[in-house]
Amino acid sequence: MPQIRANGIEMEYRTYGPKGGVPFLLIHGFGQQLTAWPEELIDGLVTAGLHVIVFDNRDVGLTQKWDGQIPDLDAAITALRAGKKAEVPYLLRDMAADAAGLLSALDIESAHICGASMGGMIAQLVALDHAAKARSLIEIFSTTNDTGLPPSTTEAHLALTTPAPSNDRAAVIAHTLKSSRAFASTGFAIDEARKAEHIGIAYDRMFYPEGALRHWAAIVASPPRGKRLRALKLPALVLHGGADTLLPPEHGRAVAGCIEGSEYHEIEGWGHDMPLDVIPLLLGFILPFVERVEKGALTLARHGRA
């Protein structure tokens, strides 16, 4: 698989679809490798003629690691509560700079920026800090991190943040599979055999739980984005699940409410996962949205306003 140097680090990435197609960047979430994107989602985007780019965020998969820099989360939280700067290895804005840097390294002027969960937080910062790189913003079960939003259920929070009892492959697969049930969809069938297979693929490719600690620190220490998003002038599509226990639907509504003119869809029974049966629904929202944005940009260009 290809690697490229972007934003000063070595990044692992893949591309799918016609090189001349409209660029579409996928940014995944907390501890997730590029292999976590459902093949069916990528296939649907490629079939529509999009040029899809996926990559490993820093500290996950085969992208560069921050070995040994273990954040003190308690100290970071204490500092933030006191109005002080948290000492963490990096912030979400640094991860956004990686994503924007990857597009530059690939000679891609701009792309539709689509992020899921923590990847949605990063996508927001690509749009805010690297505006020229974003044709649109597409959010999948993400948040602004503003105060006042409902927290995860205790079960979902512990499921996400509690490590496996051992680093043994079978133990990690069993633990991850069990944990994912705490924030799984209730209205869509879950293929646990398929999910277990994908967890195993990720384990074999790169098992690196240390990186997840720094991802969590980056989320905790990064400032809320709601106020900044209110000034964002960019086409935005926000997709969220009505059964999400990790980031309850109020989070998706908050993102959409901050971005003037955004399009919001809440899917009943959808949790914080991507079961096969939800993929056609997501494509049914994403593809027409991208088409409308592209037609709008073409109209502006024809009238000399692009």
C-alpha atoms as a PDB file:
ATOM      1  CA  MET A   1       0.000   0.000   0.000  1.00  0.00           C
ATOM      2  CA  PRO A   2       1.236   3.512  -0.708  1.00  0.00           C
ATOM      3  CA  GLN A   3       2.764   5.877   1.797  1.00  0.00           C
ATOM      4  CA  ILE A   4       3.329   9.590   1.343  1.00  0.00           C
ATOM      5  CA  ARG A   5       4.869  12.369   3.394  1.00  0.00           C
ATOM      6  CA  ALA A   6       2.261  14.971   4.302  1.00  0.00           C
ATOM      7  CA  ASN A   7       2.250  17.664   6.983  1.00  0.00           C
ATOM      8  CA  GLY A   8       5.713  16.464   7.974  1.00  0.00           C
ATOM      9  CA  ILE A   9       4.697  12.860   8.759  1.00  0.00           C
ATOM     10  CA  GLU A  10       4.563   9.541   6.921  1.00  0.00           C
ATOM     11  CA  MET A  11       0.960   8.653   6.097  1.00  0.00           C
ATOM     12  CA  GLU A  12      -0.607   5.464   4.777  1.00  0.00           C
ATOM     13  CA  TYR A  13      -3.430   5.917   2.289  1.00  0.00           C
ATOM     14  CA  ARG A  14      -5.418   4.274  -0.483  1.00  0.00           C
ATOM     15  CA  THR A  15      -7.379   5.673  -3.395  1.00  0.00           C
ATOM     16  CA  TYR A  16     -10.316   4.177  -5.252  1.00  0.00           C
ATOM     17  CA  GLY A  17     -12.152   5.131  -8.399  1.00  0.00           C
ATOM     18  CA  PRO A  18     -11.243   7.271 -11.394  1.00  0.00           C
ATOM     19  CA  LYS A  19      -8.372   9.671 -10.762  1.00  0.00           C
ATOM     20  CA  GLY A  20     -10.281  12.309 -12.698  1.00  0.00           C
ATOM     21  CA  GLY A  21     -13.374  11.868 -10.580  1.00  0.00           C
ATOM     22  CA  VAL A  22     -14.577  14.368  -7.991  1.00  0.00           C
ATOM     23  CA  PRO A  23     -12.324  13.893  -4.928  1.00  0.00           C
ATOM     24  CA  PHE A  24     -13.984  12.523  -1.796  1.00  0.00           C
ATOM     25  CA  LEU A  25     -11.926  12.239   1.406  1.00  0.00           C
ATOM     26  CA  LEU A  26     -13.016   9.829   4.142  1.00  0.00           C
ATOM     27  CA  ILE A  27     -11.705  10.468   7.685  1.00  0.00           C
ATOM     28  CA  HIS A  28     -12.315   7.737  10.231  1.00  0.00           C
ATOM     29  CA  GLY A  29     -12.699   7.973  13.980  1.00  0.00           C
ATOM     30  CA  PHE A  30     -11.185   7.039  17.312  1.00  0.00           C
ATOM     31  CA  GLY A  31      -8.607   4.268  16.895  1.00  0.00           C
ATOM     32  CA  GLN A  32     -10.021   3.205  13.523  1.00  0.00           C
ATOM     33  CA  GLN A  33      -7.857   2.166  10.589  1.00  0.00           C
ATOM     34  CA  LEU A  34      -8.630   2.893   6.954  1.00  0.00           C
ATOM     35  CA  THR A  35      -9.752  -0.728   6.594  1.00  0.00           C
ATOM     36  CA  ALA A  36     -12.724   0.016   8.900  1.00  0.00           C
ATOM     37  CA  TRP A  37     -14.653   1.764   6.125  1.00  0.00           C
ATOM     38  CA  PRO A  38     -17.260  -0.672   4.725  1.00  0.00           C
ATOM     39  CA  GLU A  39     -16.330  -1.848   1.263  1.00  0.00           C
ATOM     40  CA  GLU A  40     -19.934  -1.342   0.220  1.00  0.00           C
ATOM     41  CA  LEU A  41     -19.774   2.357   1.089  1.00  0.00           C
ATOM     42  CA  ILE A  42     -16.585   2.865  -0.901  1.00  0.00           C
ATOM     43  CA  ASP A  43     -17.968   0.847  -3.825  1.00  0.00           C
ATOM     44  CA  GLY A  44     -21.122   2.980  -3.878  1.00  0.00           C
ATOM     45  CA  LEU A  45     -19.090   6.186  -3.965  1.00  0.00           C
ATOM     46  CA  VAL A  46     -16.801   4.848  -6.702  1.00  0.00           C
ATOM     47  CA  THR A  47     -19.728   3.605  -8.792  1.00  0.00           C
ATOM     48  CA  ALA A  48     -21.019   7.182  -8.754  1.00  0.00           C
ATOM     49  CA  GLY A  49     -17.721   8.304 -10.308  1.00  0.00           C
ATOM     50  CA  LEU A  50     -16.057   9.739  -7.214  1.00  0.00           C
ATOM     51  CA  HIS A  51     -12.317   9.528  -6.555  1.00  0.00           C
ATOM     52  CA  VAL A  52     -12.229   8.224  -2.977  1.00  0.00           C
ATOM     53  CA  ILE A  53      -9.269   8.755  -0.653  1.00  0.00           C
ATOM     54  CA  VAL A  54      -8.962   6.913   2.661  1.00  0.00           C
ATOM     55  CA  PHE A  55      -6.053   7.008   5.089  1.00  0.00           C
ATOM     56  CA  ASP A  56      -4.802   6.027   8.507  1.00  0.00           C
ATOM     57  CA  ASN A  57      -4.854   8.920  10.953  1.00  0.00           C
ATOM     58  CA  ARG A  58      -1.649   9.542  12.865  1.00  0.00           C
ATOM     59  CA  ASP A  59      -1.052   6.983  15.608  1.00  0.00           C
ATOM     60  CA  VAL A  60      -3.180   4.277  13.982  1.00  0.00           C
ATOM     61  CA  GLY A  61      -2.699   1.659  11.307  1.00  0.00           C
ATOM     62  CA  LEU A  62       0.458   2.142   9.264  1.00  0.00           C
ATOM     63  CA  THR A  63       0.763   5.920   9.612  1.00  0.00           C
ATOM     64  CA  GLN A  64       3.480   7.445  11.811  1.00  0.00           C
ATOM     65  CA  LYS A  65       3.291   6.829  15.578  1.00  0.00           C
ATOM     66  CA  TRP A  66       4.041   8.984  18.614  1.00  0.00           C
ATOM     67  CA  ASP A  67       5.630   6.077  20.497  1.00  0.00           C
ATOM     68  CA  GLY A  68       6.066   6.497  24.231  1.00  0.00           C
ATOM     69  CA  GLN A  69       4.285   9.843  24.567  1.00  0.00           C
ATOM     70  CA  ILE A  70       1.679   8.709  27.078  1.00  0.00           C
ATOM     71  CA  PRO A  71      -0.741  11.512  27.983  1.00  0.00           C
ATOM     72  CA  ASP A  72      -1.819  12.118  31.559  1.00  0.00           C
ATOM     73  CA  LEU A  73      -5.559  12.401  30.982  1.00  0.00           C
ATOM     74  CA  ASP A  74      -6.384  13.303  34.594  1.00  0.00           C
ATOM     75  CA  ALA A  75      -3.855  16.157  34.511  1.00  0.00           C
ATOM     76  CA  ALA A  76      -5.188  17.317  31.149  1.00  0.00           C
ATOM     77  CA  ILE A  77      -8.779  17.409  32.430  1.00  0.00           C
ATOM     78  CA  THR A  78      -7.715  19.223  35.608  1.00  0.00           C
ATOM     79  CA  ALA A  79      -5.851  21.840  33.555  1.00  0.00           C
ATOM     80  CA  LEU A  80      -8.809  22.390  31.259  1.00  0.00           C
ATOM     81  CA  ARG A  81     -11.197  22.822  34.173  1.00  0.00           C
ATOM     82  CA  ALA A  82      -8.838  25.455  35.558  1.00  0.00           C
ATOM     83  CA  GLY A  83      -8.847  27.281  32.224  1.00  0.00           C
ATOM     84  CA  LYS A  84      -5.283  26.238  31.468  1.00  0.00           C
ATOM     85  CA  LYS A  85      -3.713  24.535  28.474  1.00  0.00           C
ATOM     86  CA  ALA A  86      -3.703  20.748  28.580  1.00  0.00           C
ATOM     87  CA  GLU A  87      -0.364  19.113  27.909  1.00  0.00           C
ATOM     88  CA  VAL A  88      -1.081  16.470  25.280  1.00  0.00           C
ATOM     89  CA  PRO A  89       1.003  15.207  22.333  1.00  0.00           C
ATOM     90  CA  TYR A  90      -1.295  16.776  19.729  1.00  0.00           C
ATOM     91  CA  LEU A  91      -4.803  18.132  19.154  1.00  0.00           C
ATOM     92  CA  LEU A  92      -7.542  17.467  16.626  1.00  0.00           C
ATOM     93  CA  ARG A  93      -6.410  20.527  14.666  1.00  0.00           C
ATOM     94  CA  ASP A  94      -3.077  18.750  14.063  1.00  0.00           C
ATOM     95  CA  MET A  95      -4.934  15.743  12.718  1.00  0.00           C
ATOM     96  CA  ALA A  96      -6.940  18.069  10.462  1.00  0.00           C
ATOM     97  CA  ALA A  97      -3.659  19.489   9.170  1.00  0.00           C
ATOM     98  CA  ASP A  98      -2.616  15.913   8.340  1.00  0.00           C
ATOM     99  CA  ALA A  99      -5.777  15.392   6.282  1.00  0.00           C
ATOM    100  CA  ALA A 100      -5.382  18.687   4.436  1.00  0.00           C
ATOM    101  CA  GLY A 101      -1.699  17.947   3.944  1.00  0.00           C
ATOM    102  CA  LEU A 102      -2.515  14.581   2.413  1.00  0.00           C
ATOM    103  CA  LEU A 103      -4.707  16.260  -0.213  1.00  0.00           C
ATOM    104  CA  SER A 104      -1.891  18.690  -1.029  1.00  0.00           C
ATOM    105  CA  ALA A 105       0.651  15.885  -1.258  1.00  0.00           C
ATOM    106  CA  LEU A 106      -1.651  14.085  -3.693  1.00  0.00           C
ATOM    107  CA  ASP A 107      -2.033  17.284  -5.774  1.00  0.00           C
ATOM    108  CA  ILE A 108      -5.740  17.447  -4.973  1.00  0.00           C
ATOM    109  CA  GLU A 109      -6.878  21.045  -4.793  1.00  0.00           C
ATOM    110  CA  SER A 110     -10.099  20.346  -2.897  1.00  0.00           C
ATOM    111  CA  ALA A 111     -12.388  17.485  -1.934  1.00  0.00           C
ATOM    112  CA  HIS A 112     -15.668  16.690  -0.262  1.00  0.00           C
ATOM    113  CA  ILE A 113     -14.609  16.108   3.346  1.00  0.00           C
ATOM    114  CA  CYS A 114     -16.511  13.281   5.052  1.00  0.00           C
ATOM    115  CA  GLY A 115     -15.756  12.222   8.611  1.00  0.00           C
ATOM    116  CA  ALA A 116     -17.251   9.720  11.036  1.00  0.00           C
ATOM    117  CA  SER A 117     -17.292  10.248  14.821  1.00  0.00           C
ATOM    118  CA  MET A 118     -13.841  11.654  15.763  1.00  0.00           C
ATOM    119  CA  GLY A 119     -13.243  11.815  12.012  1.00  0.00           C
ATOM    120  CA  GLY A 120     -16.223  14.173  11.812  1.00  0.00           C
ATOM    121  CA  MET A 121     -14.578  16.431  14.401  1.00  0.00           C
ATOM    122  CA  ILE A 122     -11.414  16.409  12.296  1.00  0.00           C
ATOM    123  CA  ALA A 123     -13.450  17.085   9.147  1.00  0.00           C
ATOM    124  CA  GLN A 124     -14.974  20.168  10.805  1.00  0.00           C
ATOM    125  CA  LEU A 125     -11.476  21.492  11.434  1.00  0.00           C
ATOM    126  CA  VAL A 126     -10.400  20.797   7.862  1.00  0.00           C
ATOM    127  CA  ALA A 127     -13.330  22.949   6.740  1.00  0.00           C
ATOM    128  CA  LEU A 128     -12.551  25.651   9.317  1.00  0.00           C
ATOM    129  CA  ASP A 129      -8.744  25.754   9.214  1.00  0.00           C
ATOM    130  CA  HIS A 130      -8.131  24.706   5.595  1.00  0.00           C
ATOM    131  CA  ALA A 131     -11.195  26.135   3.886  1.00  0.00           C
ATOM    132  CA  ALA A 132      -9.751  25.972   0.365  1.00  0.00           C
ATOM    133  CA  LYS A 133      -9.495  22.192   0.679  1.00  0.00           C
ATOM    134  CA  ALA A 134     -13.197  21.625   1.406  1.00  0.00           C
ATOM    135  CA  ARG A 135     -15.880  21.497  -1.289  1.00  0.00           C
ATOM    136  CA  SER A 136     -18.375  20.400   1.330  1.00  0.00           C
ATOM    137  CA  LEU A 137     -18.559  18.958   4.831  1.00  0.00           C
ATOM    138  CA  ILE A 138     -20.253  15.602   5.423  1.00  0.00           C
ATOM    139  CA  GLU A 139     -20.694  14.533   9.043  1.00  0.00           C
ATOM    140  CA  ILE A 140     -21.468  10.984  10.175  1.00  0.00           C
ATOM    141  CA  PHE A 141     -22.457  10.582  13.851  1.00  0.00           C
ATOM    142  CA  SER A 142     -20.200  13.356  15.142  1.00  0.00           C
ATOM    143  CA  THR A 143     -20.359  16.352  17.493  1.00  0.00           C
ATOM    144  CA  THR A 144     -19.274  19.922  18.182  1.00  0.00           C
ATOM    145  CA  ASN A 145     -18.069  18.950  21.685  1.00  0.00           C
ATOM    146  CA  ASP A 146     -19.966  21.930  23.100  1.00  0.00           C
ATOM    147  CA  THR A 147     -20.957  21.886  26.744  1.00  0.00           C
ATOM    148  CA  GLY A 148     -24.570  21.064  27.510  1.00  0.00           C
ATOM    149  CA  LEU A 149     -24.884  18.188  25.049  1.00  0.00           C
ATOM    150  CA  PRO A 150     -25.985  14.880  26.571  1.00  0.00           C
ATOM    151  CA  PRO A 151     -23.154  12.490  27.471  1.00  0.00           C
ATOM    152  CA  SER A 152     -22.709   8.949  26.280  1.00  0.00           C
ATOM    153  CA  THR A 153     -24.488   6.330  28.298  1.00  0.00           C
ATOM    154  CA  THR A 154     -22.197   4.892  30.969  1.00  0.00           C
ATOM    155  CA  GLU A 155     -22.257   1.527  29.227  1.00  0.00           C
ATOM    156  CA  ALA A 156     -21.270   3.024  25.858  1.00  0.00           C
ATOM    157  CA  HIS A 157     -18.502   5.180  27.369  1.00  0.00           C
ATOM    158  CA  LEU A 158     -16.968   2.246  29.224  1.00  0.00           C
ATOM    159  CA  ALA A 159     -17.271   0.049  26.139  1.00  0.00           C
ATOM    160  CA  LEU A 160     -15.302   2.550  24.088  1.00  0.00           C
ATOM    161  CA  THR A 161     -12.580   3.331  26.637  1.00  0.00           C
ATOM    162  CA  THR A 162     -12.021   0.044  28.498  1.00  0.00           C
ATOM    163  CA  PRO A 163      -9.104  -1.948  27.031  1.00  0.00           C
ATOM    164  CA  ALA A 164      -9.209  -5.668  26.336  1.00  0.00           C
ATOM    165  CA  PRO A 165      -8.150  -7.895  29.264  1.00  0.00           C
ATOM    166  CA  SER A 166      -5.126  -9.050  27.274  1.00  0.00           C
ATOM    167  CA  ASN A 167      -3.402  -8.369  23.964  1.00  0.00           C
ATOM    168  CA  ASP A 168      -4.115 -11.885  22.713  1.00  0.00           C
ATOM    169  CA  ARG A 169      -5.789 -11.826  19.297  1.00  0.00           C
ATOM    170  CA  ALA A 170      -8.822 -13.869  20.312  1.00  0.00           C
ATOM    171  CA  ALA A 171      -9.286 -11.838  23.503  1.00  0.00           C
ATOM    172  CA  VAL A 172      -9.119  -8.542  21.609  1.00  0.00           C
ATOM    173  CA  ILE A 173     -11.645  -9.703  19.016  1.00  0.00           C
ATOM    174  CA  ALA A 174     -14.057 -10.993  21.672  1.00  0.00           C
ATOM    175  CA  HIS A 175     -13.714  -7.840  23.792  1.00  0.00           C
ATOM    176  CA  THR A 176     -14.136  -5.445  20.853  1.00  0.00           C
ATOM    177  CA  LEU A 177     -17.133  -7.375  19.551  1.00  0.00           C
ATOM    178  CA  LYS A 178     -18.803  -7.382  22.978  1.00  0.00           C
ATOM    179  CA  SER A 179     -18.039  -3.688  23.560  1.00  0.00           C
ATOM    180  CA  SER A 180     -19.491  -2.638  20.210  1.00  0.00           C
ATOM    181  CA  ARG A 181     -22.894  -3.973  21.239  1.00  0.00           C
ATOM    182  CA  ALA A 182     -23.195  -1.102  23.744  1.00  0.00           C
ATOM    183  CA  PHE A 183     -23.549   1.446  20.931  1.00  0.00           C
ATOM    184  CA  ALA A 184     -24.813  -0.759  18.116  1.00  0.00           C
ATOM    185  CA  SER A 185     -27.840  -0.075  15.950  1.00  0.00           C
ATOM    186  CA  THR A 186     -31.176  -1.341  17.221  1.00  0.00           C
ATOM    187  CA  GLY A 187     -33.078  -1.068  13.944  1.00  0.00           C
ATOM    188  CA  PHE A 188     -30.613  -2.823  11.637  1.00  0.00           C
ATOM    189  CA  ALA A 189     -29.311  -6.383  11.672  1.00  0.00           C
ATOM    190  CA  ILE A 190     -25.739  -6.770  12.915  1.00  0.00           C
ATOM    191  CA  ASP A 191     -23.591  -9.399  11.201  1.00  0.00           C
ATOM    192  CA  GLU A 192     -21.333 -10.325  14.117  1.00  0.00           C
ATOM    193  CA  ALA A 193     -19.327 -12.866  12.121  1.00  0.00           C
ATOM    194  CA  ARG A 194     -18.471 -10.193   9.558  1.00  0.00           C
ATOM    195  CA  LYS A 195     -17.671  -7.709  12.315  1.00  0.00           C
ATOM    196  CA  ALA A 196     -15.379 -10.206  14.070  1.00  0.00           C
ATOM    197  CA  GLU A 197     -13.588 -10.848  10.773  1.00  0.00           C
ATOM    198  CA  HIS A 198     -12.958  -7.103  10.303  1.00  0.00           C
ATOM    199  CA  ILE A 199     -11.676  -6.738  13.885  1.00  0.00           C
ATOM    200  CA  GLY A 200      -9.251  -9.563  13.146  1.00  0.00           C
ATOM    201  CA  ILE A 201      -8.084  -7.875   9.945  1.00  0.00           C
ATOM    202  CA  ALA A 202      -7.378  -4.682  11.877  1.00  0.00           C
ATOM    203  CA  TYR A 203      -5.549  -6.621  14.608  1.00  0.00           C
ATOM    204  CA  ASP A 204      -3.315  -8.397  12.076  1.00  0.00           C
ATOM    205  CA  ARG A 205      -2.601  -5.192  10.196  1.00  0.00           C
ATOM    206  CA  MET A 206      -1.612  -3.142  13.257  1.00  0.00           C
ATOM    207  CA  PHE A 207      -2.601  -3.717  16.870  1.00  0.00           C
ATOM    208  CA  TYR A 208      -1.539  -0.504  18.620  1.00  0.00           C
ATOM    209  CA  PRO A 209      -3.715   0.414  21.630  1.00  0.00           C
ATOM    210  CA  GLU A 210      -1.251   3.086  22.753  1.00  0.00           C
ATOM    211  CA  GLY A 211      -2.319   5.309  19.872  1.00  0.00           C
ATOM    212  CA  ALA A 212      -5.922   5.290  21.067  1.00  0.00           C
ATOM    213  CA  LEU A 213      -4.811   6.949  24.322  1.00  0.00           C
ATOM    214  CA  ARG A 214      -3.429   9.894  22.376  1.00  0.00           C
ATOM    215  CA  HIS A 215      -6.533  10.045  20.169  1.00  0.00           C
ATOM    216  CA  TRP A 216      -8.662  10.285  23.313  1.00  0.00           C
ATOM    217  CA  ALA A 217      -6.382  12.977  24.732  1.00  0.00           C
ATOM    218  CA  ALA A 218      -6.717  14.954  21.489  1.00  0.00           C
ATOM    219  CA  ILE A 219     -10.518  14.808  21.734  1.00  0.00           C
ATOM    220  CA  VAL A 220     -10.552  15.805  25.413  1.00  0.00           C
ATOM    221  CA  ALA A 221      -8.072  18.671  25.031  1.00  0.00           C
ATOM    222  CA  SER A 222      -9.453  20.192  21.813  1.00  0.00           C
ATOM    223  CA  PRO A 223     -11.786  23.183  22.244  1.00  0.00           C
ATOM    224  CA  PRO A 224     -15.474  23.020  21.273  1.00  0.00           C
ATOM    225  CA  ARG A 225     -16.240  24.023  17.690  1.00  0.00           C
ATOM    226  CA  GLY A 226     -19.858  25.211  17.775  1.00  0.00           C
ATOM    227  CA  LYS A 227     -19.085  28.922  17.801  1.00  0.00           C
ATOM    228  CA  ARG A 228     -16.654  28.621  14.912  1.00  0.00           C
ATOM    229  CA  LEU A 229     -19.038  26.450  12.906  1.00  0.00           C
ATOM    230  CA  ARG A 230     -21.666  29.205  13.049  1.00  0.00           C
ATOM    231  CA  ALA A 231     -19.428  31.277  10.791  1.00  0.00           C
ATOM    232  CA  LEU A 232     -18.827  28.431   8.324  1.00  0.00           C
ATOM    233  CA  LYS A 233     -20.106  29.140   4.825  1.00  0.00           C
ATOM    234  CA  LEU A 234     -19.972  25.724   3.220  1.00  0.00           C
ATOM    235  CA  PRO A 235     -22.517  23.152   2.024  1.00  0.00           C
ATOM    236  CA  ALA A 236     -22.937  20.636   4.847  1.00  0.00           C
ATOM    237  CA  LEU A 237     -24.691  17.308   5.231  1.00  0.00           C
ATOM    238  CA  VAL A 238     -25.160  15.869   8.729  1.00  0.00           C
ATOM    239  CA  LEU A 239     -26.174  12.231   9.238  1.00  0.00           C
ATOM    240  CA  HIS A 240     -26.901  10.812  12.680  1.00  0.00           C
ATOM    241  CA  GLY A 241     -28.578   7.842  14.280  1.00  0.00           C
ATOM    242  CA  GLY A 242     -31.607   8.077  16.501  1.00  0.00           C
ATOM    243  CA  ALA A 243     -30.322   5.083  18.522  1.00  0.00           C
ATOM    244  CA  ASP A 244     -26.760   6.373  19.020  1.00  0.00           C
ATOM    245  CA  THR A 245     -25.809   5.893  22.685  1.00  0.00           C
ATOM    246  CA  LEU A 246     -22.207   7.060  22.282  1.00  0.00           C
ATOM    247  CA  LEU A 247     -23.055  10.429  20.755  1.00  0.00           C
ATOM    248  CA  PRO A 248     -26.818  10.808  21.234  1.00  0.00           C
ATOM    249  CA  PRO A 249     -28.743  12.401  18.337  1.00  0.00           C
ATOM    250  CA  GLU A 250     -28.692  15.815  20.036  1.00  0.00           C
ATOM    251  CA  HIS A 251     -25.028  15.975  18.983  1.00  0.00           C
ATOM    252  CA  GLY A 252     -25.859  15.633  15.304  1.00  0.00           C
ATOM    253  CA  ARG A 253     -28.676  18.134  15.623  1.00  0.00           C
ATOM    254  CA  ALA A 254     -26.240  20.556  17.269  1.00  0.00           C
ATOM    255  CA  VAL A 255     -23.759  20.252  14.394  1.00  0.00           C
ATOM    256  CA  ALA A 256     -26.503  20.905  11.850  1.00  0.00           C
ATOM    257  CA  GLY A 257     -27.895  23.761  13.924  1.00  0.00           C
ATOM    258  CA  CYS A 258     -24.538  25.527  13.917  1.00  0.00           C
ATOM    259  CA  ILE A 259     -24.045  25.459  10.142  1.00  0.00           C
ATOM    260  CA  GLU A 260     -26.372  27.755   8.250  1.00  0.00           C
ATOM    261  CA  GLY A 261     -28.211  25.975   5.444  1.00  0.00           C
ATOM    262  CA  SER A 262     -26.997  22.510   6.429  1.00  0.00           C
ATOM    263  CA  GLU A 263     -28.976  19.403   5.555  1.00  0.00           C
ATOM    264  CA  TYR A 264     -29.781  17.043   8.444  1.00  0.00           C
ATOM    265  CA  HIS A 265     -31.054  13.472   8.409  1.00  0.00           C
ATOM    266  CA  GLU A 266     -31.641  11.373  11.516  1.00  0.00           C
ATOM    267  CA  ILE A 267     -32.044   7.665  10.861  1.00  0.00           C
ATOM    268  CA  GLU A 268     -34.294   5.775  13.261  1.00  0.00           C
ATOM    269  CA  GLY A 269     -32.703   2.704  14.815  1.00  0.00           C
ATOM    270  CA  TRP A 270     -29.187   3.608  13.676  1.00  0.00           C
ATOM    271  CA  GLY A 271     -26.499   3.519  16.353  1.00  0.00           C
ATOM    272  CA  HIS A 272     -22.791   4.352  16.318  1.00  0.00           C
ATOM    273  CA  ASP A 273     -21.863   1.759  13.721  1.00  0.00           C
ATOM    274  CA  MET A 274     -22.272   0.942  10.042  1.00  0.00           C
ATOM    275  CA  PRO A 275     -24.334  -2.207   9.541  1.00  0.00           C
ATOM    276  CA  LEU A 276     -24.749  -3.271   5.938  1.00  0.00           C
ATOM    277  CA  ASP A 277     -28.392  -2.264   5.698  1.00  0.00           C
ATOM    278  CA  VAL A 278     -27.637   1.362   6.597  1.00  0.00           C
ATOM    279  CA  ILE A 279     -25.115   1.823   3.767  1.00  0.00           C
ATOM    280  CA  PRO A 280     -27.737   2.276   0.990  1.00  0.00           C
ATOM    281  CA  LEU A 281     -29.446   4.918   3.142  1.00  0.00           C
ATOM    282  CA  LEU A 282     -26.193   6.800   3.649  1.00  0.00           C
ATOM    283  CA  LEU A 283     -25.404   6.684  -0.064  1.00  0.00           C
ATOM    284  CA  GLY A 284     -28.942   7.823  -0.769  1.00  0.00           C
ATOM    285  CA  PHE A 285     -28.239  11.022   1.146  1.00  0.00           C
ATOM    286  CA  ILE A 286     -24.557  11.529   0.265  1.00  0.00           C
ATOM    287  CA  LEU A 287     -24.606  11.062  -3.514  1.00  0.00           C
ATOM    288  CA  PRO A 288     -27.445  13.503  -4.330  1.00  0.00           C
ATOM    289  CA  PHE A 289     -25.894  16.017  -1.927  1.00  0.00           C
ATOM    290  CA  VAL A 290     -22.505  15.814  -3.672  1.00  0.00           C
ATOM    291  CA  GLU A 291     -24.215  16.115  -7.054  1.00  0.00           C
ATOM    292  CA  ARG A 292     -26.061  19.263  -5.944  1.00  0.00           C
ATOM    293  CA  VAL A 293     -22.871  20.819  -4.570  1.00  0.00           C
ATOM    294  CA  GLU A 294     -20.971  20.067  -7.771  1.00  0.00           C
ATOM    295  CA  LYS A 295     -23.743  21.477  -9.958  1.00  0.00           C
ATOM    296  CA  GLY A 296     -23.850  24.589  -7.795  1.00  0.00           C
ATOM    297  CA  ALA A 297     -20.096  25.075  -8.098  1.00  0.00           C
ATOM    298  CA  LEU A 298     -20.297  24.646 -11.874  1.00  0.00           C
ATOM    299  CA  THR A 299     -23.087  27.226 -12.104  1.00  0.00           C
ATOM    300  CA  LEU A 300     -21.030  29.715 -10.072  1.00  0.00           C
ATOM    301  CA  ALA A 301     -18.004  29.110 -12.263  1.00  0.00           C
ATOM    302  CA  ARG A 302     -20.022  29.721 -15.434  1.00  0.00           C
ATOM    303  CA  HIS A 303     -21.165  33.028 -14.021  1.00  0.00           C
ATOM    304  CA  GLY A 304     -17.656  34.014 -12.988  1.00  0.00           C
ATOM    305  CA  ARG A 305     -18.342  33.795  -9.251  1.00  0.00           C
ATOM    306  CA  ALA A 306     -16.282  30.752  -8.319  1.00  0.00           C
END
